[in-house]
């Protein structure tokens, strides 16, 4: 549901408030489980932005929480200053700034204080990644020494897409965008092995965080 600037109403649903562009000040109530965002006139949130894709992104409601999912848009989705990988997903928190192409929004969740325990359970499992500081927390303890640059980039990509199986090709494009040729599977496997040794050293045969999908890629698990 769209609310024009100046209108006031109370709702239990979260909303996006447009901060820039011709619709600045407009509020969009996130009542549906999947909200389409894009330049297409059929989108739930229409972006009047020449840099936006027709099907740019989705806002997904998961019980009492929300996430934004990039639909491999040309000019991307940014959450709190961090650009998502193509096809990536990020959880939204009350006050988060979300940018689709060049159009900025503020995410507001009126139930944030009431649902804090549930949010923590979903967003902060045994593994937590902070992109702003490039810190990694395992069971609440910061990983020290920190991960290497590429190890962190790999983990952050998996973390953005947690729960989804990502292919080795997707990983190669996200972690080694500078590569001129192919990134060999063996290189990815070695990096995964090193990453596992840092974040789940006691998992033995059963992976706690990173599952291998043989012949395809990897999946980041909840790891509770």
N, C-alpha and C. Protein backbone atom coordinates (compact mmCIF):
# COMPACT_ATOMS: atom_id res chain seq x y z
N UNK A 1 0.85 -1.20 0.00
CA UNK A 1 0.00 0.00 0.00
C UNK A 1 0.88 1.25 0.00
N UNK A 2 0.51 2.23 -0.83
CA UNK A 2 1.29 3.46 -0.96
C UNK A 2 0.62 4.58 -0.18
N UNK A 3 1.44 5.30 0.61
CA UNK A 3 0.95 6.45 1.36
C UNK A 3 1.64 7.70 0.84
N UNK A 4 0.87 8.72 0.51
CA UNK A 4 1.43 9.95 -0.03
C UNK A 4 2.07 10.78 1.08
N UNK A 5 3.01 11.67 0.73
CA UNK A 5 3.64 12.53 1.73
C UNK A 5 2.59 13.30 2.52
N UNK A 6 2.77 13.35 3.85
CA UNK A 6 1.86 14.10 4.70
C UNK A 6 0.77 13.26 5.32
N UNK A 7 0.47 12.09 4.73
CA UNK A 7 -0.55 11.22 5.30
C UNK A 7 0.03 10.43 6.46
N UNK A 8 -0.74 10.23 7.51
CA UNK A 8 -0.29 9.51 8.69
C UNK A 8 -1.23 8.34 8.95
N UNK A 9 -0.67 7.17 9.21
CA UNK A 9 -1.47 6.02 9.57
C UNK A 9 -0.58 5.05 10.35
N UNK A 10 -1.20 4.28 11.24
CA UNK A 10 -0.47 3.33 12.07
C UNK A 10 -0.64 1.94 11.47
N UNK A 11 0.44 1.19 11.37
CA UNK A 11 0.38 -0.15 10.79
C UNK A 11 1.35 -1.06 11.51
N UNK A 12 1.04 -2.35 11.49
CA UNK A 12 1.95 -3.32 12.09
C UNK A 12 3.00 -3.79 11.09
N UNK A 13 2.86 -3.38 9.83
CA UNK A 13 3.80 -3.79 8.81
C UNK A 13 4.96 -2.78 8.69
N UNK A 14 6.09 -3.29 8.23
CA UNK A 14 7.21 -2.40 7.95
C UNK A 14 6.92 -1.62 6.67
N UNK A 15 7.76 -0.62 6.42
CA UNK A 15 7.56 0.19 5.22
C UNK A 15 8.89 0.70 4.70
N UNK A 16 8.89 1.06 3.42
CA UNK A 16 10.01 1.75 2.80
C UNK A 16 9.58 3.19 2.55
N UNK A 17 10.43 4.13 2.95
CA UNK A 17 10.17 5.55 2.73
C UNK A 17 11.15 6.03 1.67
N UNK A 18 10.63 6.54 0.57
CA UNK A 18 11.48 7.02 -0.51
C UNK A 18 12.19 8.31 -0.08
N UNK A 19 13.51 8.35 -0.27
CA UNK A 19 14.31 9.50 0.15
C UNK A 19 14.78 10.37 -1.00
N UNK A 20 14.69 9.86 -2.23
CA UNK A 20 15.21 10.63 -3.36
C UNK A 20 14.35 10.40 -4.60
N UNK A 21 14.54 11.25 -5.59
CA UNK A 21 13.80 11.10 -6.83
C UNK A 21 12.43 11.75 -6.78
N UNK A 22 11.66 11.60 -7.85
CA UNK A 22 10.35 12.27 -7.94
C UNK A 22 9.33 11.80 -6.91
N UNK A 23 9.55 10.63 -6.31
CA UNK A 23 8.59 10.12 -5.32
C UNK A 23 9.12 10.26 -3.89
N UNK A 24 10.08 11.13 -3.68
CA UNK A 24 10.64 11.33 -2.34
C UNK A 24 9.53 11.68 -1.36
N UNK A 25 9.56 11.05 -0.20
CA UNK A 25 8.55 11.26 0.83
C UNK A 25 7.42 10.25 0.79
N UNK A 26 7.30 9.51 -0.31
CA UNK A 26 6.25 8.50 -0.42
C UNK A 26 6.61 7.28 0.42
N UNK A 27 5.62 6.74 1.11
CA UNK A 27 5.82 5.57 1.96
C UNK A 27 5.13 4.36 1.32
N UNK A 28 5.83 3.23 1.35
CA UNK A 28 5.29 2.00 0.78
C UNK A 28 5.19 0.95 1.89
N UNK A 29 3.98 0.56 2.20
CA UNK A 29 3.75 -0.43 3.25
C UNK A 29 4.01 -1.83 2.69
N UNK A 30 4.79 -2.62 3.42
CA UNK A 30 5.23 -3.93 2.93
C UNK A 30 4.30 -5.02 3.46
N UNK A 31 3.11 -5.09 2.90
CA UNK A 31 2.09 -6.01 3.41
C UNK A 31 2.14 -7.38 2.74
N UNK A 32 2.67 -7.44 1.52
CA UNK A 32 2.71 -8.71 0.79
C UNK A 32 3.95 -9.51 1.18
N UNK A 33 3.91 -10.81 0.93
CA UNK A 33 5.08 -11.64 1.24
C UNK A 33 6.22 -11.34 0.27
N UNK A 34 5.90 -11.01 -0.96
CA UNK A 34 6.91 -10.64 -1.95
C UNK A 34 6.47 -9.35 -2.61
N UNK A 35 7.31 -8.32 -2.51
CA UNK A 35 7.02 -7.00 -3.09
C UNK A 35 8.00 -6.77 -4.23
N UNK A 36 7.49 -6.60 -5.44
CA UNK A 36 8.33 -6.37 -6.60
C UNK A 36 8.75 -4.91 -6.67
N UNK A 37 10.05 -4.69 -6.96
CA UNK A 37 10.60 -3.34 -7.07
C UNK A 37 11.27 -3.22 -8.43
N UNK A 38 10.92 -2.19 -9.19
CA UNK A 38 11.55 -2.03 -10.49
C UNK A 38 10.95 -0.90 -11.29
N UNK A 39 11.46 -0.73 -12.50
CA UNK A 39 11.00 0.34 -13.38
C UNK A 39 9.69 -0.01 -14.08
N UNK A 40 9.37 -1.31 -14.11
CA UNK A 40 8.13 -1.75 -14.75
C UNK A 40 6.91 -1.18 -14.03
N UNK A 41 5.91 -0.79 -14.81
CA UNK A 41 4.69 -0.24 -14.21
C UNK A 41 3.89 -1.28 -13.44
N UNK A 42 4.22 -2.55 -13.62
CA UNK A 42 3.53 -3.61 -12.88
C UNK A 42 4.18 -3.88 -11.52
N UNK A 43 5.27 -3.21 -11.22
CA UNK A 43 5.95 -3.41 -9.93
C UNK A 43 5.10 -2.86 -8.79
N UNK A 44 5.24 -3.45 -7.62
CA UNK A 44 4.56 -2.91 -6.43
C UNK A 44 5.14 -1.56 -6.04
N UNK A 45 6.46 -1.45 -6.15
CA UNK A 45 7.14 -0.18 -5.94
C UNK A 45 7.80 0.20 -7.26
N UNK A 46 7.24 1.20 -7.93
CA UNK A 46 7.74 1.60 -9.25
C UNK A 46 8.87 2.61 -9.08
N UNK A 47 10.01 2.32 -9.68
CA UNK A 47 11.16 3.21 -9.62
C UNK A 47 11.17 4.12 -10.85
N UNK A 48 11.01 5.41 -10.63
CA UNK A 48 11.12 6.38 -11.73
C UNK A 48 12.59 6.77 -11.83
N UNK A 49 13.37 5.83 -12.31
CA UNK A 49 14.83 5.93 -12.27
C UNK A 49 15.37 5.30 -13.55
N UNK A 50 16.01 6.09 -14.39
CA UNK A 50 16.50 5.59 -15.67
C UNK A 50 17.58 4.53 -15.51
N UNK A 51 18.20 4.47 -14.33
CA UNK A 51 19.26 3.49 -14.10
C UNK A 51 18.72 2.17 -13.53
N UNK A 52 17.45 2.13 -13.19
CA UNK A 52 16.86 0.93 -12.60
C UNK A 52 16.47 -0.06 -13.69
N UNK A 53 16.51 -1.34 -13.35
CA UNK A 53 16.04 -2.39 -14.25
C UNK A 53 14.53 -2.53 -14.12
N UNK A 54 13.91 -3.11 -15.13
CA UNK A 54 12.45 -3.27 -15.09
C UNK A 54 12.04 -4.17 -13.93
N UNK A 55 12.74 -5.28 -13.77
CA UNK A 55 12.57 -6.13 -12.59
C UNK A 55 13.87 -6.03 -11.80
N UNK A 56 13.92 -5.12 -10.86
CA UNK A 56 15.17 -4.77 -10.20
C UNK A 56 15.44 -5.62 -8.96
N UNK A 57 14.43 -5.74 -8.09
CA UNK A 57 14.64 -6.42 -6.81
C UNK A 57 13.30 -6.86 -6.23
N UNK A 58 13.40 -7.61 -5.13
CA UNK A 58 12.21 -8.00 -4.37
C UNK A 58 12.44 -7.74 -2.89
N UNK A 59 11.40 -7.32 -2.20
CA UNK A 59 11.40 -7.29 -0.75
C UNK A 59 10.59 -8.50 -0.30
N UNK A 60 11.19 -9.34 0.54
CA UNK A 60 10.52 -10.56 0.97
C UNK A 60 10.25 -10.51 2.47
N UNK A 61 9.02 -10.82 2.82
CA UNK A 61 8.65 -10.88 4.24
C UNK A 61 8.75 -12.32 4.71
N UNK A 62 9.57 -12.54 5.75
CA UNK A 62 9.77 -13.87 6.31
C UNK A 62 9.31 -13.82 7.77
N UNK A 63 8.08 -14.25 8.01
CA UNK A 63 7.46 -14.14 9.32
C UNK A 63 7.44 -12.67 9.74
N UNK A 64 8.24 -12.29 10.75
CA UNK A 64 8.23 -10.89 11.19
C UNK A 64 9.46 -10.13 10.71
N UNK A 65 10.23 -10.71 9.82
CA UNK A 65 11.44 -10.07 9.33
C UNK A 65 11.33 -9.82 7.83
N UNK A 66 12.26 -9.02 7.32
CA UNK A 66 12.25 -8.66 5.91
C UNK A 66 13.65 -8.78 5.33
N UNK A 67 13.71 -9.15 4.06
CA UNK A 67 14.99 -9.19 3.36
C UNK A 67 14.79 -8.60 1.97
N UNK A 68 15.89 -8.10 1.41
CA UNK A 68 15.87 -7.58 0.06
C UNK A 68 16.70 -8.52 -0.81
N UNK A 69 16.18 -8.81 -2.00
CA UNK A 69 16.84 -9.74 -2.91
C UNK A 69 17.05 -9.06 -4.26
N UNK A 70 18.30 -8.99 -4.69
CA UNK A 70 18.62 -8.39 -5.98
C UNK A 70 18.30 -9.38 -7.10
N UNK A 71 17.61 -8.92 -8.12
CA UNK A 71 17.25 -9.77 -9.26
C UNK A 71 18.28 -9.64 -10.38
N UNK A 72 19.55 -9.62 -9.99
CA UNK A 72 20.66 -9.48 -10.93
C UNK A 72 20.48 -8.23 -11.79
N UNK A 73 20.09 -7.15 -11.12
CA UNK A 73 19.86 -5.87 -11.80
C UNK A 73 21.17 -5.29 -12.31
N UNK A 74 21.07 -4.45 -13.33
CA UNK A 74 22.27 -3.88 -13.95
C UNK A 74 23.03 -2.97 -13.00
N UNK A 75 22.32 -2.13 -12.25
CA UNK A 75 22.98 -1.15 -11.39
C UNK A 75 22.83 -1.43 -9.91
N UNK A 76 22.36 -2.62 -9.58
CA UNK A 76 22.52 -3.15 -8.24
C UNK A 76 21.62 -2.63 -7.14
N UNK A 77 21.79 -3.29 -5.99
CA UNK A 77 21.09 -2.94 -4.75
C UNK A 77 22.14 -2.74 -3.67
N UNK A 78 22.02 -1.66 -2.91
CA UNK A 78 22.96 -1.36 -1.83
C UNK A 78 22.20 -1.26 -0.52
N UNK A 79 22.72 -1.91 0.52
CA UNK A 79 22.12 -1.86 1.85
C UNK A 79 23.14 -1.29 2.82
N UNK A 80 22.83 -0.15 3.40
CA UNK A 80 23.73 0.52 4.36
C UNK A 80 25.14 0.66 3.80
N UNK A 81 25.21 1.06 2.54
CA UNK A 81 26.49 1.35 1.92
C UNK A 81 27.22 0.15 1.34
N UNK A 82 26.66 -1.04 1.48
CA UNK A 82 27.30 -2.26 0.97
C UNK A 82 26.48 -2.79 -0.20
N UNK A 83 27.10 -2.89 -1.36
CA UNK A 83 26.38 -3.37 -2.54
C UNK A 83 26.28 -4.89 -2.50
N UNK A 84 25.09 -5.40 -2.77
CA UNK A 84 24.88 -6.84 -2.81
C UNK A 84 25.52 -7.42 -4.06
N UNK A 85 25.95 -8.66 -3.95
CA UNK A 85 26.41 -9.37 -5.12
C UNK A 85 25.21 -9.60 -6.05
N UNK A 86 25.43 -9.74 -7.36
CA UNK A 86 24.31 -10.00 -8.26
C UNK A 86 23.51 -11.22 -7.80
N UNK A 87 22.22 -11.05 -7.63
CA UNK A 87 21.39 -12.14 -7.13
C UNK A 87 21.47 -12.34 -5.64
N UNK A 88 22.15 -11.44 -4.93
CA UNK A 88 22.36 -11.57 -3.49
C UNK A 88 21.15 -11.14 -2.68
N UNK A 89 21.20 -11.52 -1.40
CA UNK A 89 20.11 -11.23 -0.47
C UNK A 89 20.68 -10.67 0.82
N UNK A 90 19.98 -9.72 1.43
CA UNK A 90 20.41 -9.17 2.72
C UNK A 90 19.19 -8.95 3.60
N UNK A 91 19.37 -9.19 4.90
CA UNK A 91 18.31 -8.92 5.87
C UNK A 91 18.26 -7.42 6.14
N UNK A 92 17.06 -6.90 6.36
CA UNK A 92 16.87 -5.48 6.65
C UNK A 92 16.59 -5.28 8.13
N UNK A 93 17.16 -4.24 8.67
CA UNK A 93 16.93 -3.87 10.06
C UNK A 93 16.30 -2.48 10.11
N UNK A 94 15.59 -2.19 11.18
CA UNK A 94 14.95 -0.90 11.33
C UNK A 94 15.99 0.22 11.15
N UNK A 95 15.72 1.13 10.23
CA UNK A 95 16.64 2.23 9.96
C UNK A 95 17.59 1.98 8.81
N UNK A 96 17.61 0.77 8.25
CA UNK A 96 18.50 0.48 7.13
C UNK A 96 18.20 1.39 5.95
N UNK A 97 19.26 1.83 5.25
CA UNK A 97 19.08 2.57 4.01
C UNK A 97 19.30 1.62 2.84
N UNK A 98 18.31 1.56 1.97
CA UNK A 98 18.35 0.66 0.81
C UNK A 98 18.34 1.51 -0.45
N UNK A 99 19.25 1.20 -1.36
CA UNK A 99 19.32 1.96 -2.61
C UNK A 99 19.16 1.00 -3.79
N UNK A 100 18.16 1.29 -4.63
CA UNK A 100 17.94 0.56 -5.87
C UNK A 100 18.42 1.45 -7.01
N UNK A 101 19.49 1.06 -7.69
CA UNK A 101 20.11 1.92 -8.70
C UNK A 101 20.46 3.25 -8.04
N UNK A 102 19.82 4.37 -8.44
CA UNK A 102 20.16 5.66 -7.82
C UNK A 102 19.08 6.17 -6.88
N UNK A 103 18.06 5.35 -6.61
CA UNK A 103 16.95 5.78 -5.75
C UNK A 103 17.09 5.20 -4.35
N UNK A 104 17.07 6.09 -3.34
CA UNK A 104 17.31 5.68 -1.96
C UNK A 104 16.00 5.58 -1.17
N UNK A 105 15.97 4.61 -0.26
CA UNK A 105 14.83 4.40 0.63
C UNK A 105 15.33 4.17 2.05
N UNK A 106 14.45 4.47 3.01
CA UNK A 106 14.72 4.13 4.41
C UNK A 106 13.74 3.04 4.83
N UNK A 107 14.27 1.95 5.40
CA UNK A 107 13.42 0.87 5.89
C UNK A 107 13.03 1.15 7.33
N UNK A 108 11.73 1.12 7.60
CA UNK A 108 11.22 1.37 8.95
C UNK A 108 10.35 0.21 9.39
N UNK A 109 10.66 -0.33 10.56
CA UNK A 109 9.92 -1.48 11.09
C UNK A 109 9.31 -1.10 12.44
N UNK A 110 8.01 -0.84 12.51
CA UNK A 110 7.39 -0.41 13.77
C UNK A 110 7.40 -1.48 14.84
N UNK A 111 7.59 -2.74 14.46
CA UNK A 111 7.58 -3.82 15.44
C UNK A 111 8.99 -4.24 15.86
N UNK A 112 10.00 -3.43 15.50
CA UNK A 112 11.39 -3.84 15.74
C UNK A 112 11.66 -4.12 17.21
N UNK A 113 11.19 -3.25 18.10
CA UNK A 113 11.48 -3.46 19.52
C UNK A 113 10.74 -4.65 20.08
N UNK A 114 9.54 -4.93 19.53
CA UNK A 114 8.76 -6.05 20.03
C UNK A 114 9.30 -7.38 19.56
N UNK A 115 9.93 -7.39 18.39
CA UNK A 115 10.35 -8.65 17.80
C UNK A 115 11.85 -8.85 17.88
N UNK A 116 12.53 -8.07 18.71
CA UNK A 116 13.99 -8.16 18.77
C UNK A 116 14.49 -9.58 19.00
N UNK A 117 13.94 -10.38 19.93
CA UNK A 117 14.44 -11.74 20.10
C UNK A 117 14.31 -12.57 18.83
N UNK A 118 13.19 -12.43 18.13
CA UNK A 118 13.01 -13.19 16.90
C UNK A 118 14.00 -12.75 15.84
N UNK A 119 14.25 -11.44 15.76
CA UNK A 119 15.20 -10.94 14.79
C UNK A 119 16.59 -11.48 15.06
N UNK A 120 16.98 -11.50 16.31
CA UNK A 120 18.30 -12.02 16.66
C UNK A 120 18.40 -13.48 16.27
N UNK A 121 17.35 -14.24 16.50
CA UNK A 121 17.37 -15.66 16.19
C UNK A 121 17.56 -15.89 14.70
N UNK A 122 16.98 -14.99 13.86
CA UNK A 122 17.09 -15.17 12.43
C UNK A 122 18.39 -14.60 11.90
N UNK A 123 18.75 -13.40 12.36
CA UNK A 123 19.86 -12.68 11.76
C UNK A 123 21.21 -13.01 12.39
N UNK A 124 21.19 -13.45 13.61
CA UNK A 124 22.45 -13.68 14.28
C UNK A 124 22.51 -15.13 14.79
N UNK A 125 22.72 -16.07 13.88
CA UNK A 125 22.90 -17.45 14.30
C UNK A 125 24.30 -17.63 14.85
N UNK A 126 24.83 -18.84 14.83
CA UNK A 126 26.18 -19.07 15.34
C UNK A 126 27.23 -18.30 14.57
N UNK A 127 26.90 -17.91 13.34
CA UNK A 127 27.82 -17.15 12.50
C UNK A 127 27.22 -15.80 12.18
N UNK A 128 28.02 -14.74 12.38
CA UNK A 128 27.57 -13.38 12.04
C UNK A 128 28.70 -12.66 11.33
N UNK A 129 28.37 -11.97 10.26
CA UNK A 129 29.36 -11.27 9.45
C UNK A 129 29.01 -9.78 9.42
N UNK A 130 30.00 -8.93 9.72
CA UNK A 130 29.80 -7.48 9.71
C UNK A 130 30.60 -6.89 8.55
N UNK A 131 29.94 -6.56 7.43
CA UNK A 131 30.68 -6.07 6.26
C UNK A 131 31.37 -4.74 6.48
N UNK A 132 30.80 -3.86 7.32
CA UNK A 132 31.39 -2.54 7.52
C UNK A 132 32.78 -2.63 8.15
N UNK A 133 32.94 -3.55 9.10
CA UNK A 133 34.22 -3.71 9.79
C UNK A 133 34.99 -4.93 9.32
N UNK A 134 34.36 -5.73 8.45
CA UNK A 134 34.94 -6.98 7.94
C UNK A 134 35.30 -7.92 9.10
N UNK A 135 34.46 -7.90 10.12
CA UNK A 135 34.63 -8.81 11.25
C UNK A 135 33.68 -9.99 11.12
N UNK A 136 34.13 -11.13 11.64
CA UNK A 136 33.32 -12.34 11.64
C UNK A 136 33.18 -12.82 13.08
N UNK A 137 31.96 -13.15 13.48
CA UNK A 137 31.70 -13.63 14.84
C UNK A 137 31.20 -15.07 14.77
N UNK A 138 31.81 -15.93 15.55
CA UNK A 138 31.37 -17.32 15.67
C UNK A 138 30.95 -17.55 17.11
N UNK A 139 29.67 -17.87 17.31
CA UNK A 139 29.11 -18.04 18.65
C UNK A 139 29.37 -16.82 19.53
N UNK A 140 29.30 -15.63 18.92
CA UNK A 140 29.44 -14.39 19.66
C UNK A 140 30.86 -13.90 19.84
N UNK A 141 31.86 -14.71 19.48
CA UNK A 141 33.27 -14.32 19.64
C UNK A 141 33.85 -13.91 18.29
N UNK A 142 34.57 -12.79 18.28
CA UNK A 142 35.14 -12.31 17.03
C UNK A 142 36.27 -13.23 16.59
N UNK A 143 36.36 -13.48 15.29
CA UNK A 143 37.39 -14.34 14.74
C UNK A 143 38.72 -13.59 14.71
N UNK A 144 39.72 -14.14 15.36
CA UNK A 144 41.02 -13.49 15.47
C UNK A 144 42.12 -14.55 15.32
N UNK A 145 43.05 -14.36 14.37
CA UNK A 145 43.19 -13.24 13.44
C UNK A 145 42.06 -13.22 12.41
N UNK A 146 41.85 -12.06 11.79
CA UNK A 146 40.75 -11.95 10.82
C UNK A 146 41.01 -12.77 9.56
N UNK A 147 39.97 -12.97 8.79
CA UNK A 147 40.10 -13.68 7.52
C UNK A 147 40.90 -12.84 6.52
N UNK A 148 41.50 -13.52 5.56
CA UNK A 148 42.14 -12.80 4.47
C UNK A 148 41.07 -12.10 3.63
N UNK A 149 41.51 -11.23 2.75
CA UNK A 149 40.56 -10.45 1.94
C UNK A 149 39.64 -11.37 1.13
N UNK A 150 40.22 -12.33 0.43
CA UNK A 150 39.42 -13.22 -0.41
C UNK A 150 38.58 -14.17 0.43
N UNK A 151 39.10 -14.63 1.55
CA UNK A 151 38.29 -15.48 2.43
C UNK A 151 37.05 -14.73 2.90
N UNK A 152 37.24 -13.47 3.28
CA UNK A 152 36.08 -12.69 3.73
C UNK A 152 35.11 -12.46 2.58
N UNK A 153 35.63 -12.12 1.40
CA UNK A 153 34.75 -11.89 0.25
C UNK A 153 33.91 -13.14 -0.04
N UNK A 154 34.53 -14.30 0.05
CA UNK A 154 33.82 -15.55 -0.18
C UNK A 154 32.74 -15.77 0.88
N UNK A 155 33.12 -15.58 2.14
CA UNK A 155 32.15 -15.77 3.22
C UNK A 155 31.01 -14.77 3.12
N UNK A 156 31.32 -13.53 2.79
CA UNK A 156 30.28 -12.51 2.69
C UNK A 156 29.29 -12.84 1.57
N UNK A 157 29.81 -13.37 0.46
CA UNK A 157 28.90 -13.74 -0.63
C UNK A 157 27.99 -14.89 -0.19
N UNK A 158 28.56 -15.88 0.47
CA UNK A 158 27.73 -16.99 0.97
C UNK A 158 26.72 -16.49 2.00
N UNK A 159 27.17 -15.56 2.84
CA UNK A 159 26.31 -15.03 3.91
C UNK A 159 25.13 -14.25 3.33
N UNK A 160 25.39 -13.49 2.29
CA UNK A 160 24.31 -12.75 1.63
C UNK A 160 23.27 -13.69 1.03
N UNK A 161 23.73 -14.87 0.65
CA UNK A 161 22.86 -15.85 -0.01
C UNK A 161 22.59 -17.06 0.86
N UNK A 162 22.69 -16.89 2.19
CA UNK A 162 22.56 -18.04 3.08
C UNK A 162 21.21 -18.73 2.89
N UNK A 163 21.28 -20.04 2.90
CA UNK A 163 20.10 -20.86 2.65
C UNK A 163 19.93 -21.22 1.19
N UNK A 164 20.59 -20.48 0.29
CA UNK A 164 20.49 -20.76 -1.15
C UNK A 164 21.76 -21.46 -1.62
N UNK A 165 21.59 -22.44 -2.48
CA UNK A 165 22.76 -23.11 -3.06
C UNK A 165 23.32 -22.21 -4.16
N UNK A 166 24.61 -21.87 -4.04
CA UNK A 166 25.25 -21.03 -5.05
C UNK A 166 26.25 -21.87 -5.83
N UNK A 167 26.33 -21.63 -7.11
CA UNK A 167 27.22 -22.41 -7.97
C UNK A 167 28.65 -21.89 -7.87
N UNK A 168 29.58 -22.71 -8.33
CA UNK A 168 30.97 -22.28 -8.35
C UNK A 168 31.18 -21.13 -9.33
N UNK A 169 30.42 -21.11 -10.39
CA UNK A 169 30.52 -20.00 -11.34
C UNK A 169 30.09 -18.68 -10.68
N UNK A 170 29.03 -18.72 -9.90
CA UNK A 170 28.58 -17.52 -9.19
C UNK A 170 29.64 -17.05 -8.20
N UNK A 171 30.23 -18.00 -7.49
CA UNK A 171 31.28 -17.66 -6.53
C UNK A 171 32.47 -17.03 -7.23
N UNK A 172 32.88 -17.61 -8.36
CA UNK A 172 34.02 -17.08 -9.10
C UNK A 172 33.78 -15.63 -9.53
N UNK A 173 32.58 -15.34 -10.02
CA UNK A 173 32.26 -13.98 -10.47
C UNK A 173 32.21 -13.00 -9.31
N UNK A 174 31.74 -13.46 -8.15
CA UNK A 174 31.59 -12.56 -7.00
C UNK A 174 32.90 -12.31 -6.28
N UNK A 175 33.74 -13.34 -6.17
CA UNK A 175 34.95 -13.25 -5.35
C UNK A 175 36.17 -12.86 -6.17
N UNK A 176 36.20 -13.25 -7.44
CA UNK A 176 37.34 -12.93 -8.31
C UNK A 176 36.86 -12.14 -9.53
N UNK A 177 36.23 -10.98 -9.35
CA UNK A 177 35.73 -10.23 -10.51
C UNK A 177 36.85 -9.73 -11.41
N UNK A 178 38.06 -9.66 -10.85
CA UNK A 178 39.19 -9.14 -11.62
C UNK A 178 39.81 -10.20 -12.52
N UNK A 179 39.42 -11.47 -12.35
CA UNK A 179 40.04 -12.57 -13.10
C UNK A 179 39.77 -12.41 -14.59
N UNK A 180 40.82 -12.53 -15.39
CA UNK A 180 40.69 -12.41 -16.84
C UNK A 180 40.25 -13.72 -17.49
N UNK A 181 40.65 -14.84 -16.87
CA UNK A 181 40.28 -16.15 -17.39
C UNK A 181 39.41 -16.90 -16.40
N UNK A 182 39.33 -18.19 -16.60
CA UNK A 182 38.53 -19.02 -15.72
C UNK A 182 39.17 -19.14 -14.34
N UNK A 183 38.33 -19.18 -13.32
CA UNK A 183 38.77 -19.51 -11.97
C UNK A 183 38.50 -21.00 -11.78
N UNK A 184 39.56 -21.76 -11.58
CA UNK A 184 39.41 -23.21 -11.54
C UNK A 184 38.68 -23.67 -10.29
N UNK A 185 37.94 -24.76 -10.44
CA UNK A 185 37.21 -25.33 -9.31
C UNK A 185 38.13 -25.62 -8.14
N UNK A 186 39.35 -26.07 -8.45
CA UNK A 186 40.30 -26.41 -7.39
C UNK A 186 40.64 -25.20 -6.54
N UNK A 187 40.71 -24.02 -7.15
CA UNK A 187 40.99 -22.80 -6.40
C UNK A 187 39.85 -22.49 -5.43
N UNK A 188 38.62 -22.66 -5.90
CA UNK A 188 37.46 -22.42 -5.05
C UNK A 188 37.41 -23.45 -3.93
N UNK A 189 37.67 -24.70 -4.25
CA UNK A 189 37.65 -25.76 -3.23
C UNK A 189 38.68 -25.49 -2.14
N UNK A 190 39.87 -25.05 -2.55
CA UNK A 190 40.92 -24.75 -1.56
C UNK A 190 40.49 -23.59 -0.66
N UNK A 191 39.89 -22.56 -1.26
CA UNK A 191 39.46 -21.42 -0.47
C UNK A 191 38.35 -21.81 0.50
N UNK A 192 37.44 -22.66 0.06
CA UNK A 192 36.38 -23.15 0.94
C UNK A 192 36.98 -23.94 2.09
N UNK A 193 37.97 -24.78 1.79
CA UNK A 193 38.61 -25.59 2.82
C UNK A 193 39.28 -24.71 3.87
N UNK A 194 39.97 -23.67 3.43
CA UNK A 194 40.63 -22.75 4.37
C UNK A 194 39.60 -22.00 5.21
N UNK A 195 38.53 -21.60 4.55
CA UNK A 195 37.47 -20.88 5.26
C UNK A 195 36.83 -21.77 6.32
N UNK A 196 36.55 -23.00 5.96
CA UNK A 196 35.98 -23.95 6.92
C UNK A 196 36.90 -24.14 8.12
N UNK A 197 38.18 -24.22 7.87
CA UNK A 197 39.13 -24.46 8.97
C UNK A 197 39.13 -23.31 9.96
N UNK A 198 38.70 -22.12 9.51
CA UNK A 198 38.67 -20.96 10.40
C UNK A 198 37.36 -20.85 11.16
N UNK A 199 36.24 -21.13 10.50
CA UNK A 199 34.95 -20.86 11.13
C UNK A 199 34.28 -22.09 11.72
N UNK A 200 34.73 -23.28 11.33
CA UNK A 200 34.14 -24.50 11.89
C UNK A 200 35.21 -25.57 12.09
N UNK A 201 36.23 -25.27 12.90
CA UNK A 201 37.35 -26.21 13.05
C UNK A 201 36.97 -27.52 13.74
N UNK A 202 35.88 -27.55 14.47
CA UNK A 202 35.52 -28.75 15.24
C UNK A 202 34.34 -29.50 14.65
N UNK A 203 34.03 -29.26 13.38
CA UNK A 203 32.83 -29.87 12.81
C UNK A 203 33.04 -31.31 12.34
N UNK A 204 34.29 -31.75 12.24
CA UNK A 204 34.61 -33.12 11.79
C UNK A 204 33.96 -33.38 10.42
N UNK A 205 33.18 -34.46 10.33
CA UNK A 205 32.62 -34.85 9.03
C UNK A 205 31.35 -34.08 8.67
N UNK A 206 30.63 -33.61 9.67
CA UNK A 206 29.37 -32.91 9.42
C UNK A 206 29.61 -31.40 9.40
N UNK A 207 29.40 -30.75 8.25
CA UNK A 207 29.62 -29.29 8.21
C UNK A 207 28.61 -28.55 9.07
N UNK A 208 29.09 -27.55 9.78
CA UNK A 208 28.20 -26.75 10.60
C UNK A 208 27.66 -25.55 9.82
N UNK A 209 28.52 -24.93 9.03
CA UNK A 209 28.12 -23.72 8.33
C UNK A 209 28.09 -23.89 6.81
N UNK A 210 29.09 -24.52 6.23
CA UNK A 210 29.20 -24.58 4.77
C UNK A 210 29.00 -26.01 4.29
N UNK A 211 27.94 -26.24 3.55
CA UNK A 211 27.65 -27.56 3.00
C UNK A 211 28.09 -27.61 1.54
N UNK A 212 28.67 -28.73 1.14
CA UNK A 212 29.06 -28.94 -0.25
C UNK A 212 27.93 -29.61 -1.01
N UNK A 213 27.55 -29.03 -2.12
CA UNK A 213 26.56 -29.64 -3.01
C UNK A 213 27.36 -30.22 -4.18
N UNK A 214 27.62 -31.50 -4.09
CA UNK A 214 28.58 -32.14 -5.00
C UNK A 214 28.23 -31.89 -6.47
N UNK A 215 29.25 -31.49 -7.21
CA UNK A 215 29.09 -31.26 -8.64
C UNK A 215 28.47 -29.92 -9.00
N UNK A 216 28.16 -29.09 -7.97
CA UNK A 216 27.52 -27.81 -8.28
C UNK A 216 28.13 -26.65 -7.52
N UNK A 217 28.06 -26.68 -6.18
CA UNK A 217 28.54 -25.53 -5.43
C UNK A 217 28.42 -25.72 -3.94
N UNK A 218 27.98 -24.65 -3.26
CA UNK A 218 27.98 -24.66 -1.79
C UNK A 218 26.75 -23.94 -1.26
N UNK A 219 26.46 -24.21 0.01
CA UNK A 219 25.32 -23.60 0.68
C UNK A 219 25.71 -23.23 2.10
N UNK A 220 25.43 -21.99 2.51
CA UNK A 220 25.68 -21.58 3.88
C UNK A 220 24.47 -21.95 4.73
N UNK A 221 24.71 -22.74 5.77
CA UNK A 221 23.65 -23.23 6.65
C UNK A 221 23.46 -22.28 7.82
N UNK A 222 22.38 -22.50 8.58
CA UNK A 222 22.13 -21.69 9.77
C UNK A 222 23.21 -21.90 10.81
N UNK A 223 23.66 -23.13 11.00
CA UNK A 223 24.75 -23.42 11.91
C UNK A 223 24.47 -23.10 13.35
N UNK A 224 23.25 -23.35 13.81
CA UNK A 224 22.91 -23.08 15.21
C UNK A 224 23.68 -24.02 16.13
